[in-house]
């Protein structure tokens, strides 16, 4: 296949694709944009939930470490923390 034949084949394929797919209407375009926006909003919501969950886990771990330290200090004769 020569370069000219290849270019002609590519052009024929492109024109066949354009002829086979009708352009979408304005309503379909609006629906696609709304669907894309909805997916973006869902991704932001998921990200926010993950961030808040991780922050809560970190605070719970810090509180647990603080409680363990106070318990250790009380068991080793340091004054009461109350």
Protein backbone atom coordinates (compact mmCIF):
# COMPACT_ATOMS: atom_id res chain seq x y z
CA UNK A 1 0.00 0.00 0.00
CA UNK A 2 1.48 3.30 -1.04
CA UNK A 3 1.32 6.49 0.94
CA UNK A 4 -1.31 7.93 -1.41
CA UNK A 5 -3.52 4.87 -1.07
CA UNK A 6 -3.11 4.97 2.71
CA UNK A 7 -4.09 8.65 2.82
CA UNK A 8 -7.12 7.94 0.61
CA UNK A 9 -8.14 5.03 2.89
CA UNK A 10 -7.85 7.20 5.99
CA UNK A 11 -9.92 9.94 4.34
CA UNK A 12 -12.59 7.39 3.33
CA UNK A 13 -12.73 5.99 6.87
CA UNK A 14 -13.06 9.47 8.38
CA UNK A 15 -15.85 10.44 5.97
CA UNK A 16 -17.67 7.15 6.66
CA UNK A 17 -17.47 7.76 10.41
CA UNK A 18 -18.79 11.30 10.05
CA UNK A 19 -21.63 10.12 7.80
CA UNK A 20 -22.60 7.27 10.17
CA UNK A 21 -22.81 9.33 13.36
CA UNK A 22 -25.49 12.03 13.34
CA UNK A 23 -24.73 15.15 15.37
CA UNK A 24 -26.37 15.28 18.77
CA UNK A 25 -29.16 17.72 19.53
CA UNK A 26 -29.00 20.62 21.97
CA UNK A 27 -30.98 18.62 24.56
CA UNK A 28 -28.54 15.73 24.31
CA UNK A 29 -25.61 18.11 24.65
CA UNK A 30 -27.18 19.69 27.75
CA UNK A 31 -27.85 16.22 29.22
CA UNK A 32 -24.23 15.16 28.62
CA UNK A 33 -22.93 18.32 30.29
CA UNK A 34 -25.23 17.79 33.27
CA UNK A 35 -24.11 14.16 33.55
CA UNK A 36 -20.46 15.23 33.52
CA UNK A 37 -21.15 17.88 36.18
CA UNK A 38 -22.98 15.30 38.31
CA UNK A 39 -19.99 12.95 38.12
CA UNK A 40 -17.66 15.80 39.16
CA UNK A 41 -19.92 16.61 42.11
CA UNK A 42 -20.00 12.96 43.17
CA UNK A 43 -16.21 12.77 42.99
CA UNK A 44 -15.86 15.90 45.14
CA UNK A 45 -18.36 14.50 47.65
CA UNK A 46 -16.50 11.18 47.85
CA UNK A 47 -13.19 13.00 48.33
CA UNK A 48 -14.67 15.12 51.13
CA UNK A 49 -16.04 12.05 52.92
CA UNK A 50 -12.67 10.30 52.69
CA UNK A 51 -10.86 13.37 54.03
CA UNK A 52 -13.27 13.74 56.95
CA UNK A 53 -13.06 10.04 57.78
CA UNK A 54 -9.27 10.11 57.82
CA UNK A 55 -9.26 13.24 59.97
CA UNK A 56 -11.63 11.54 62.43
CA UNK A 57 -9.44 8.45 62.57
CA UNK A 58 -6.35 10.55 63.23
CA UNK A 59 -8.09 12.45 66.06
CA UNK A 60 -9.33 9.17 67.56
CA UNK A 61 -5.78 7.77 67.43
CA UNK A 62 -4.41 10.88 69.15
CA UNK A 63 -7.08 10.66 71.85
CA UNK A 64 -6.29 6.97 72.35
CA UNK A 65 -2.57 7.70 72.64
CA UNK A 66 -3.31 10.44 75.17
CA UNK A 67 -5.47 8.07 77.20
CA UNK A 68 -2.76 5.39 77.07
CA UNK A 69 -0.15 7.90 78.26
CA UNK A 70 -2.33 9.05 81.16
CA UNK A 71 -3.01 5.44 82.13
CA UNK A 72 0.70 4.58 81.95
CA UNK A 73 1.62 7.65 84.01
CA UNK A 74 -0.98 6.80 86.66
CA UNK A 75 0.22 3.19 86.89
CA UNK A 76 3.85 4.31 87.32
CA UNK A 77 3.20 6.51 90.36
CA UNK A 78 2.71 9.90 88.81
CA UNK A 79 -0.05 12.04 90.27
CA UNK A 80 -3.64 11.67 89.23
CA UNK A 81 -4.67 13.74 86.22
CA UNK A 82 -8.20 14.47 87.38
